[in-house]
Amino acid sequence: MVKTMDAERIYKKAIEKYGALMQTIVAIEEMAELQKELSKALRNQENKDHLIEEVADVEIMLAQVKLIYDISEDYVDAHKRFKLRRLAHGLMEG
């Protein structure tokens, strides 16, 4: 597996080579492909390998989106913690 620092270097090179606009478009396309695979799964046409591939693609593109828009992992983690606490609270209520 690629180390975190190596992955970040690869993401930065991809953004540099293809441009922030194109990588943002690719991120949108990859999310749509994941959406399509999830929709197929709901219709009992799941292909787990395709689903795994699309999850990986989305995670790679999300890492690039964070770099493009200068979104820190700490900031995202803080929002995740807030939303998880809210979810946990909602689960306890009902």
PDB file of N, CA and C in Angstrom:
ATOM      1  N   MET A   1       0.844  -1.189   0.000  1.00  0.00           N
ATOM      2  CA  MET A   1       0.000   0.000   0.000  1.00  0.00           C
ATOM      3  C   MET A   1       0.885   1.246   0.000  1.00  0.00           C
ATOM      4  N   VAL A   2       0.396   2.287  -0.611  1.00  0.00           N
ATOM      5  CA  VAL A   2       1.134   3.544  -0.694  1.00  0.00           C
ATOM      6  C   VAL A   2       1.051   4.258   0.645  1.00  0.00           C
ATOM      7  N   LYS A   3       2.193   4.734   1.135  1.00  0.00           N
ATOM      8  CA  LYS A   3       2.214   5.480   2.393  1.00  0.00           C
ATOM      9  C   LYS A   3       1.467   6.795   2.227  1.00  0.00           C
ATOM     10  N   THR A   4       0.980   7.329   3.356  1.00  0.00           N
ATOM     11  CA  THR A   4       0.210   8.568   3.331  1.00  0.00           C
ATOM     12  C   THR A   4       0.962   9.702   2.649  1.00  0.00           C
ATOM     13  N   MET A   5       2.244   9.877   2.984  1.00  0.00           N
ATOM     14  CA  MET A   5       3.018  10.964   2.379  1.00  0.00           C
ATOM     15  C   MET A   5       3.199  10.733   0.881  1.00  0.00           C
ATOM     16  N   ASP A   6       3.406   9.477   0.489  1.00  0.00           N
ATOM     17  CA  ASP A   6       3.524   9.170  -0.936  1.00  0.00           C
ATOM     18  C   ASP A   6       2.206   9.446  -1.645  1.00  0.00           C
ATOM     19  N   ALA A   7       1.101   9.073  -1.025  1.00  0.00           N
ATOM     20  CA  ALA A   7      -0.216   9.304  -1.618  1.00  0.00           C
ATOM     21  C   ALA A   7      -0.453  10.801  -1.812  1.00  0.00           C
ATOM     22  N   GLU A   8      -0.136  11.584  -0.799  1.00  0.00           N
ATOM     23  CA  GLU A   8      -0.337  13.034  -0.913  1.00  0.00           C
ATOM     24  C   GLU A   8       0.504  13.610  -2.045  1.00  0.00           C
ATOM     25  N   ARG A   9       1.718  13.128  -2.183  1.00  0.00           N
ATOM     26  CA  ARG A   9       2.587  13.586  -3.277  1.00  0.00           C
ATOM     27  C   ARG A   9       1.976  13.223  -4.626  1.00  0.00           C
ATOM     28  N   ILE A  10       1.428  12.031  -4.730  1.00  0.00           N
ATOM     29  CA  ILE A  10       0.779  11.596  -5.971  1.00  0.00           C
ATOM     30  C   ILE A  10      -0.444  12.464  -6.254  1.00  0.00           C
ATOM     31  N   TYR A  11      -1.259  12.736  -5.228  1.00  0.00           N
ATOM     32  CA  TYR A  11      -2.439  13.585  -5.416  1.00  0.00           C
ATOM     33  C   TYR A  11      -2.038  14.964  -5.913  1.00  0.00           C
ATOM     34  N   LYS A  12      -1.004  15.546  -5.304  1.00  0.00           N
ATOM     35  CA  LYS A  12      -0.545  16.881  -5.708  1.00  0.00           C
ATOM     36  C   LYS A  12      -0.042  16.885  -7.146  1.00  0.00           C
ATOM     37  N   LYS A  13       0.664  15.828  -7.536  1.00  0.00           N
ATOM     38  CA  LYS A  13       1.157  15.742  -8.914  1.00  0.00           C
ATOM     39  C   LYS A  13      -0.001  15.605  -9.901  1.00  0.00           C
ATOM     40  N   ALA A  14      -1.029  14.846  -9.526  1.00  0.00           N
ATOM     41  CA  ALA A  14      -2.198  14.700 -10.397  1.00  0.00           C
ATOM     42  C   ALA A  14      -2.899  16.046 -10.576  1.00  0.00           C
ATOM     43  N   ILE A  15      -3.052  16.781  -9.487  1.00  0.00           N
ATOM     44  CA  ILE A  15      -3.681  18.104  -9.551  1.00  0.00           C
ATOM     45  C   ILE A  15      -2.848  19.044 -10.414  1.00  0.00           C
ATOM     46  N   GLU A  16      -1.544  18.975 -10.232  1.00  0.00           N
ATOM     47  CA  GLU A  16      -0.629  19.821 -11.023  1.00  0.00           C
ATOM     48  C   GLU A  16      -0.708  19.462 -12.508  1.00  0.00           C
ATOM     49  N   LYS A  17      -0.743  18.174 -12.803  1.00  0.00           N
ATOM     50  CA  LYS A  17      -0.738  17.724 -14.202  1.00  0.00           C
ATOM     51  C   LYS A  17      -2.072  17.986 -14.897  1.00  0.00           C
ATOM     52  N   TYR A  18      -3.181  17.630 -14.234  1.00  0.00           N
ATOM     53  CA  TYR A  18      -4.483  17.700 -14.886  1.00  0.00           C
ATOM     54  C   TYR A  18      -5.252  18.982 -14.564  1.00  0.00           C
ATOM     55  N   GLY A  19      -4.872  19.661 -13.490  1.00  0.00           N
ATOM     56  CA  GLY A  19      -5.531  20.898 -13.097  1.00  0.00           C
ATOM     57  C   GLY A  19      -6.637  20.662 -12.086  1.00  0.00           C
ATOM     58  N   ALA A  20      -6.849  21.670 -11.253  1.00  0.00           N
ATOM     59  CA  ALA A  20      -7.852  21.579 -10.192  1.00  0.00           C
ATOM     60  C   ALA A  20      -9.261  21.413 -10.760  1.00  0.00           C
ATOM     61  N   LEU A  21      -9.561  22.123 -11.836  1.00  0.00           N
ATOM     62  CA  LEU A  21     -10.899  22.031 -12.436  1.00  0.00           C
ATOM     63  C   LEU A  21     -11.176  20.612 -12.911  1.00  0.00           C
ATOM     64  N   MET A  22     -10.227  20.033 -13.652  1.00  0.00           N
ATOM     65  CA  MET A  22     -10.435  18.685 -14.178  1.00  0.00           C
ATOM     66  C   MET A  22     -10.543  17.659 -13.053  1.00  0.00           C
ATOM     67  N   GLN A  23      -9.732  17.785 -12.018  1.00  0.00           N
ATOM     68  CA  GLN A  23      -9.791  16.830 -10.917  1.00  0.00           C
ATOM     69  C   GLN A  23     -11.094  16.978 -10.127  1.00  0.00           C
ATOM     70  N   THR A  24     -11.610  18.186 -10.061  1.00  0.00           N
ATOM     71  CA  THR A  24     -12.918  18.383  -9.423  1.00  0.00           C
ATOM     72  C   THR A  24     -14.010  17.711 -10.244  1.00  0.00           C
ATOM     73  N   ILE A  25     -13.937  17.842 -11.562  1.00  0.00           N
ATOM     74  CA  ILE A  25     -14.905  17.181 -12.449  1.00  0.00           C
ATOM     75  C   ILE A  25     -14.801  15.667 -12.293  1.00  0.00           C
ATOM     76  N   VAL A  26     -13.584  15.149 -12.242  1.00  0.00           N
ATOM     77  CA  VAL A  26     -13.388  13.699 -12.069  1.00  0.00           C
ATOM     78  C   VAL A  26     -13.959  13.246 -10.724  1.00  0.00           C
ATOM     79  N   ALA A  27     -13.793  14.055  -9.689  1.00  0.00           N
ATOM     80  CA  ALA A  27     -14.359  13.715  -8.374  1.00  0.00           C
ATOM     81  C   ALA A  27     -15.875  13.576  -8.478  1.00  0.00           C
ATOM     82  N   ILE A  28     -16.506  14.511  -9.165  1.00  0.00           N
ATOM     83  CA  ILE A  28     -17.963  14.460  -9.353  1.00  0.00           C
ATOM     84  C   ILE A  28     -18.353  13.197 -10.115  1.00  0.00           C
ATOM     85  N   GLU A  29     -17.599  12.882 -11.166  1.00  0.00           N
ATOM     86  CA  GLU A  29     -17.883  11.679 -11.955  1.00  0.00           C
ATOM     87  C   GLU A  29     -17.715  10.410 -11.130  1.00  0.00           C
ATOM     88  N   GLU A  30     -16.681  10.364 -10.316  1.00  0.00           N
ATOM     89  CA  GLU A  30     -16.451   9.171  -9.492  1.00  0.00           C
ATOM     90  C   GLU A  30     -17.563   8.990  -8.459  1.00  0.00           C
ATOM     91  N   MET A  31     -18.045  10.102  -7.896  1.00  0.00           N
ATOM     92  CA  MET A  31     -19.163   9.998  -6.946  1.00  0.00           C
ATOM     93  C   MET A  31     -20.417   9.499  -7.648  1.00  0.00           C
ATOM     94  N   ALA A  32     -20.614   9.909  -8.894  1.00  0.00           N
ATOM     95  CA  ALA A  32     -21.763   9.427  -9.666  1.00  0.00           C
ATOM     96  C   ALA A  32     -21.638   7.929  -9.947  1.00  0.00           C
ATOM     97  N   GLU A  33     -20.419   7.470 -10.219  1.00  0.00           N
ATOM     98  CA  GLU A  33     -20.215   6.037 -10.465  1.00  0.00           C
ATOM     99  C   GLU A  33     -20.484   5.225  -9.200  1.00  0.00           C
ATOM    100  N   LEU A  34     -20.110   5.746  -8.042  1.00  0.00           N
ATOM    101  CA  LEU A  34     -20.427   5.067  -6.781  1.00  0.00           C
ATOM    102  C   LEU A  34     -21.941   5.053  -6.572  1.00  0.00           C
ATOM    103  N   GLN A  35     -22.565   6.160  -6.855  1.00  0.00           N
ATOM    104  CA  GLN A  35     -24.026   6.243  -6.734  1.00  0.00           C
ATOM    105  C   GLN A  35     -24.692   5.178  -7.610  1.00  0.00           C
ATOM    106  N   LYS A  36     -24.199   5.006  -8.826  1.00  0.00           N
ATOM    107  CA  LYS A  36     -24.745   4.005  -9.745  1.00  0.00           C
ATOM    108  C   LYS A  36     -24.590   2.595  -9.174  1.00  0.00           C
ATOM    109  N   GLU A  37     -23.410   2.293  -8.625  1.00  0.00           N
ATOM    110  CA  GLU A  37     -23.182   0.964  -8.053  1.00  0.00           C
ATOM    111  C   GLU A  37     -24.065   0.715  -6.828  1.00  0.00           C
ATOM    112  N   LEU A  38     -24.271   1.742  -6.010  1.00  0.00           N
ATOM    113  CA  LEU A  38     -25.159   1.597  -4.851  1.00  0.00           C
ATOM    114  C   LEU A  38     -26.596   1.375  -5.308  1.00  0.00           C
ATOM    115  N   SER A  39     -26.999   2.066  -6.354  1.00  0.00           N
ATOM    116  CA  SER A  39     -28.345   1.892  -6.900  1.00  0.00           C
ATOM    117  C   SER A  39     -28.534   0.464  -7.413  1.00  0.00           C
ATOM    118  N   LYS A  40     -27.519  -0.057  -8.088  1.00  0.00           N
ATOM    119  CA  LYS A  40     -27.580  -1.449  -8.569  1.00  0.00           C
ATOM    120  C   LYS A  40     -27.704  -2.416  -7.389  1.00  0.00           C
ATOM    121  N   ALA A  41     -26.958  -2.142  -6.321  1.00  0.00           N
ATOM    122  CA  ALA A  41     -27.015  -3.015  -5.142  1.00  0.00           C
ATOM    123  C   ALA A  41     -28.421  -3.033  -4.560  1.00  0.00           C
ATOM    124  N   LEU A  42     -29.083  -1.890  -4.549  1.00  0.00           N
ATOM    125  CA  LEU A  42     -30.450  -1.824  -4.035  1.00  0.00           C
ATOM    126  C   LEU A  42     -31.434  -2.588  -4.917  1.00  0.00           C
ATOM    127  N   ARG A  43     -31.070  -2.766  -6.189  1.00  0.00           N
ATOM    128  CA  ARG A  43     -31.913  -3.532  -7.114  1.00  0.00           C
ATOM    129  C   ARG A  43     -31.451  -4.979  -7.221  1.00  0.00           C
ATOM    130  N   ASN A  44     -30.663  -5.431  -6.234  1.00  0.00           N
ATOM    131  CA  ASN A  44     -30.137  -6.807  -6.190  1.00  0.00           C
ATOM    132  C   ASN A  44     -29.267  -7.145  -7.393  1.00  0.00           C
ATOM    133  N   GLN A  45     -28.544  -6.153  -7.895  1.00  0.00           N
ATOM    134  CA  GLN A  45     -27.588  -6.373  -8.984  1.00  0.00           C
ATOM    135  C   GLN A  45     -26.181  -6.012  -8.516  1.00  0.00           C
ATOM    136  N   GLU A  46     -25.933  -6.241  -7.230  1.00  0.00           N
ATOM    137  CA  GLU A  46     -24.656  -5.841  -6.629  1.00  0.00           C
ATOM    138  C   GLU A  46     -23.493  -6.613  -7.214  1.00  0.00           C
ATOM    139  N   ASN A  47     -22.455  -5.878  -7.552  1.00  0.00           N
ATOM    140  CA  ASN A  47     -21.169  -6.455  -7.913  1.00  0.00           C
ATOM    141  C   ASN A  47     -20.184  -5.875  -6.906  1.00  0.00           C
ATOM    142  N   LYS A  48     -19.867  -6.659  -5.894  1.00  0.00           N
ATOM    143  CA  LYS A  48     -19.063  -6.164  -4.783  1.00  0.00           C
ATOM    144  C   LYS A  48     -17.713  -5.611  -5.243  1.00  0.00           C
ATOM    145  N   ASP A  49     -17.097  -6.257  -6.230  1.00  0.00           N
ATOM    146  CA  ASP A  49     -15.812  -5.765  -6.734  1.00  0.00           C
ATOM    147  C   ASP A  49     -15.951  -4.364  -7.323  1.00  0.00           C
ATOM    148  N   HIS A  50     -17.018  -4.137  -8.092  1.00  0.00           N
ATOM    149  CA  HIS A  50     -17.247  -2.801  -8.664  1.00  0.00           C
ATOM    150  C   HIS A  50     -17.518  -1.787  -7.562  1.00  0.00           C
ATOM    151  N   LEU A  51     -18.276  -2.193  -6.570  1.00  0.00           N
ATOM    152  CA  LEU A  51     -18.596  -1.302  -5.452  1.00  0.00           C
ATOM    153  C   LEU A  51     -17.322  -0.907  -4.709  1.00  0.00           C
ATOM    154  N   ILE A  52     -16.470  -1.874  -4.438  1.00  0.00           N
ATOM    155  CA  ILE A  52     -15.197  -1.605  -3.756  1.00  0.00           C
ATOM    156  C   ILE A  52     -14.340  -0.666  -4.601  1.00  0.00           C
ATOM    157  N   GLU A  53     -14.270  -0.912  -5.887  1.00  0.00           N
ATOM    158  CA  GLU A  53     -13.477  -0.072  -6.787  1.00  0.00           C
ATOM    159  C   GLU A  53     -13.965   1.372  -6.764  1.00  0.00           C
ATOM    160  N   GLU A  54     -15.282   1.561  -6.792  1.00  0.00           N
ATOM    161  CA  GLU A  54     -15.825   2.921  -6.797  1.00  0.00           C
ATOM    162  C   GLU A  54     -15.623   3.620  -5.453  1.00  0.00           C
ATOM    163  N   VAL A  55     -15.713   2.884  -4.361  1.00  0.00           N
ATOM    164  CA  VAL A  55     -15.422   3.477  -3.044  1.00  0.00           C
ATOM    165  C   VAL A  55     -13.974   3.958  -3.018  1.00  0.00           C
ATOM    166  N   ALA A  56     -13.050   3.128  -3.523  1.00  0.00           N
ATOM    167  CA  ALA A  56     -11.636   3.515  -3.562  1.00  0.00           C
ATOM    168  C   ALA A  56     -11.441   4.758  -4.423  1.00  0.00           C
ATOM    169  N   ASP A  57     -12.072   4.787  -5.589  1.00  0.00           N
ATOM    170  CA  ASP A  57     -11.953   5.952  -6.478  1.00  0.00           C
ATOM    171  C   ASP A  57     -12.445   7.220  -5.794  1.00  0.00           C
ATOM    172  N   VAL A  58     -13.583   7.129  -5.109  1.00  0.00           N
ATOM    173  CA  VAL A  58     -14.141   8.299  -4.424  1.00  0.00           C
ATOM    174  C   VAL A  58     -13.216   8.754  -3.304  1.00  0.00           C
ATOM    175  N   GLU A  59     -12.674   7.815  -2.544  1.00  0.00           N
ATOM    176  CA  GLU A  59     -11.764   8.202  -1.464  1.00  0.00           C
ATOM    177  C   GLU A  59     -10.519   8.901  -2.011  1.00  0.00           C
ATOM    178  N   ILE A  60      -9.991   8.423  -3.125  1.00  0.00           N
ATOM    179  CA  ILE A  60      -8.826   9.058  -3.749  1.00  0.00           C
ATOM    180  C   ILE A  60      -9.179  10.470  -4.210  1.00  0.00           C
ATOM    181  N   MET A  61     -10.329  10.619  -4.828  1.00  0.00           N
ATOM    182  CA  MET A  61     -10.712  11.937  -5.334  1.00  0.00           C
ATOM    183  C   MET A  61     -11.066  12.884  -4.190  1.00  0.00           C
ATOM    184  N   LEU A  62     -11.654  12.373  -3.101  1.00  0.00           N
ATOM    185  CA  LEU A  62     -11.939  13.233  -1.953  1.00  0.00           C
ATOM    186  C   LEU A  62     -10.651  13.784  -1.345  1.00  0.00           C
ATOM    187  N   ALA A  63      -9.612  12.964  -1.324  1.00  0.00           N
ATOM    188  CA  ALA A  63      -8.316  13.440  -0.825  1.00  0.00           C
ATOM    189  C   ALA A  63      -7.810  14.588  -1.695  1.00  0.00           C
ATOM    190  N   GLN A  64      -8.010  14.485  -3.006  1.00  0.00           N
ATOM    191  CA  GLN A  64      -7.594  15.561  -3.904  1.00  0.00           C
ATOM    192  C   GLN A  64      -8.462  16.800  -3.730  1.00  0.00           C
ATOM    193  N   VAL A  65      -9.751  16.613  -3.521  1.00  0.00           N
ATOM    194  CA  VAL A  65     -10.656  17.748  -3.290  1.00  0.00           C
ATOM    195  C   VAL A  65     -10.201  18.527  -2.056  1.00  0.00           C
ATOM    196  N   LYS A  66      -9.811  17.809  -1.006  1.00  0.00           N
ATOM    197  CA  LYS A  66      -9.333  18.469   0.213  1.00  0.00           C
ATOM    198  C   LYS A  66      -8.093  19.315  -0.090  1.00  0.00           C
ATOM    199  N   LEU A  67      -7.212  18.810  -0.930  1.00  0.00           N
ATOM    200  CA  LEU A  67      -6.018  19.576  -1.293  1.00  0.00           C
ATOM    201  C   LEU A  67      -6.387  20.782  -2.159  1.00  0.00           C
ATOM    202  N   ILE A  68      -7.243  20.565  -3.139  1.00  0.00           N
ATOM    203  CA  ILE A  68      -7.626  21.637  -4.057  1.00  0.00           C
ATOM    204  C   ILE A  68      -8.268  22.800  -3.303  1.00  0.00           C
ATOM    205  N   TYR A  69      -9.142  22.486  -2.363  1.00  0.00           N
ATOM    206  CA  TYR A  69      -9.900  23.518  -1.656  1.00  0.00           C
ATOM    207  C   TYR A  69      -9.316  23.841  -0.285  1.00  0.00           C
ATOM    208  N   ASP A  70      -8.091  23.380  -0.038  1.00  0.00           N
ATOM    209  CA  ASP A  70      -7.361  23.670   1.197  1.00  0.00           C
ATOM    210  C   ASP A  70      -8.212  23.371   2.436  1.00  0.00           C
ATOM    211  N   ILE A  71      -8.709  22.133   2.468  1.00  0.00           N
ATOM    212  CA  ILE A  71      -9.534  21.670   3.583  1.00  0.00           C
ATOM    213  C   ILE A  71      -8.657  20.760   4.444  1.00  0.00           C
ATOM    214  N   SER A  72      -8.431  21.161   5.668  1.00  0.00           N
ATOM    215  CA  SER A  72      -7.555  20.378   6.535  1.00  0.00           C
ATOM    216  C   SER A  72      -8.273  19.145   7.072  1.00  0.00           C
ATOM    217  N   GLU A  73      -7.497  18.100   7.259  1.00  0.00           N
ATOM    218  CA  GLU A  73      -8.042  16.861   7.819  1.00  0.00           C
ATOM    219  C   GLU A  73      -8.572  17.101   9.227  1.00  0.00           C
ATOM    220  N   ASP A  74      -7.899  17.956   9.988  1.00  0.00           N
ATOM    221  CA  ASP A  74      -8.361  18.282  11.340  1.00  0.00           C
ATOM    222  C   ASP A  74      -9.748  18.910  11.310  1.00  0.00           C
ATOM    223  N   TYR A  75      -9.962  19.792  10.361  1.00  0.00           N
ATOM    224  CA  TYR A  75     -11.256  20.464  10.237  1.00  0.00           C
ATOM    225  C   TYR A  75     -12.346  19.454   9.863  1.00  0.00           C
ATOM    226  N   VAL A  76     -12.036  18.572   8.928  1.00  0.00           N
ATOM    227  CA  VAL A  76     -12.992  17.528   8.530  1.00  0.00           C
ATOM    228  C   VAL A  76     -13.272  16.607   9.712  1.00  0.00           C
ATOM    229  N   ASP A  77     -12.229  16.211  10.442  1.00  0.00           N
ATOM    230  CA  ASP A  77     -12.402  15.334  11.601  1.00  0.00           C
ATOM    231  C   ASP A  77     -13.282  15.987  12.663  1.00  0.00           C
ATOM    232  N   ALA A  78     -13.117  17.294  12.856  1.00  0.00           N
ATOM    233  CA  ALA A  78     -13.954  18.006  13.834  1.00  0.00           C
ATOM    234  C   ALA A  78     -15.419  17.944  13.417  1.00  0.00           C
ATOM    235  N   HIS A  79     -15.680  18.123  12.144  1.00  0.00           N
ATOM    236  CA  HIS A  79     -17.067  18.046  11.652  1.00  0.00           C
ATOM    237  C   HIS A  79     -17.608  16.626  11.764  1.00  0.00           C
ATOM    238  N   LYS A  80     -16.756  15.645  11.489  1.00  0.00           N
ATOM    239  CA  LYS A  80     -17.176  14.248  11.628  1.00  0.00           C
ATOM    240  C   LYS A  80     -17.559  13.949  13.080  1.00  0.00           C
ATOM    241  N   ARG A  81     -16.717  14.387  14.011  1.00  0.00           N
ATOM    242  CA  ARG A  81     -17.013  14.145  15.436  1.00  0.00           C
ATOM    243  C   ARG A  81     -18.348  14.783  15.827  1.00  0.00           C
ATOM    244  N   PHE A  82     -18.570  16.023  15.402  1.00  0.00           N
ATOM    245  CA  PHE A  82     -19.830  16.710  15.703  1.00  0.00           C
ATOM    246  C   PHE A  82     -21.013  15.926  15.138  1.00  0.00           C
ATOM    247  N   LYS A  83     -20.902  15.524  13.877  1.00  0.00           N
ATOM    248  CA  LYS A  83     -22.008  14.820  13.228  1.00  0.00           C
ATOM    249  C   LYS A  83     -22.223  13.424  13.816  1.00  0.00           C
ATOM    250  N   LEU A  84     -21.149  12.772  14.214  1.00  0.00           N
ATOM    251  CA  LEU A  84     -21.286  11.461  14.847  1.00  0.00           C
ATOM    252  C   LEU A  84     -21.952  11.573  16.223  1.00  0.00           C
ATOM    253  N   ARG A  85     -21.592  12.625  16.982  1.00  0.00           N
ATOM    254  CA  ARG A  85     -22.258  12.844  18.281  1.00  0.00           C
ATOM    255  C   ARG A  85     -23.746  13.097  18.069  1.00  0.00           C
ATOM    256  N   ARG A  86     -24.068  13.899  17.066  1.00  0.00           N
ATOM    257  CA  ARG A  86     -25.472  14.189  16.762  1.00  0.00           C
ATOM    258  C   ARG A  86     -26.205  12.920  16.348  1.00  0.00           C
ATOM    259  N   LEU A  87     -25.566  12.100  15.538  1.00  0.00           N
ATOM    260  CA  LEU A  87     -26.159  10.826  15.118  1.00  0.00           C
ATOM    261  C   LEU A  87     -26.369   9.914  16.327  1.00  0.00           C
ATOM    262  N   ALA A  88     -25.345   9.798  17.165  1.00  0.00           N
ATOM    263  CA  ALA A  88     -25.453   8.949  18.352  1.00  0.00           C
ATOM    264  C   ALA A  88     -26.585   9.428  19.258  1.00  0.00           C
ATOM    265  N   HIS A  89     -26.696  10.735  19.412  1.00  0.00           N
ATOM    266  CA  HIS A  89     -27.776  11.300  20.246  1.00  0.00           C
ATOM    267  C   HIS A  89     -29.132  10.942  19.632  1.00  0.00           C
ATOM    268  N   GLY A  90     -29.255  11.069  18.333  1.00  0.00           N
ATOM    269  CA  GLY A  90     -30.505  10.734  17.661  1.00  0.00           C
ATOM    270  C   GLY A  90     -30.854   9.266  17.783  1.00  0.00           C
ATOM    271  N   LEU A  91     -29.851   8.408  17.796  1.00  0.00           N
ATOM    272  CA  LEU A  91     -30.102   6.978  17.922  1.00  0.00           C
ATOM    273  C   LEU A  91     -30.579   6.623  19.335  1.00  0.00           C
ATOM    274  N   MET A  92     -30.132   7.375  20.308  1.00  0.00           N
ATOM    275  CA  MET A  92     -30.537   7.120  21.698  1.00  0.00           C
ATOM    276  C   MET A  92     -31.966   7.579  21.951  1.00  0.00           C
ATOM    277  N   GLU A  93     -32.418   8.570  21.199  1.00  0.00           N
ATOM    278  CA  GLU A  93     -33.771   9.103  21.400  1.00  0.00           C
ATOM    279  C   GLU A  93     -34.847   8.187  20.878  1.00  0.00           C
ATOM    280  N   GLY A  94     -34.570   7.503  19.812  1.00  0.00           N
ATOM    281  CA  GLY A  94     -35.653   6.735  19.212  1.00  0.00           C
ATOM    282  C   GLY A  94     -35.268   5.363  18.947  1.00  0.00           C
TER     283      GLY A  94
END
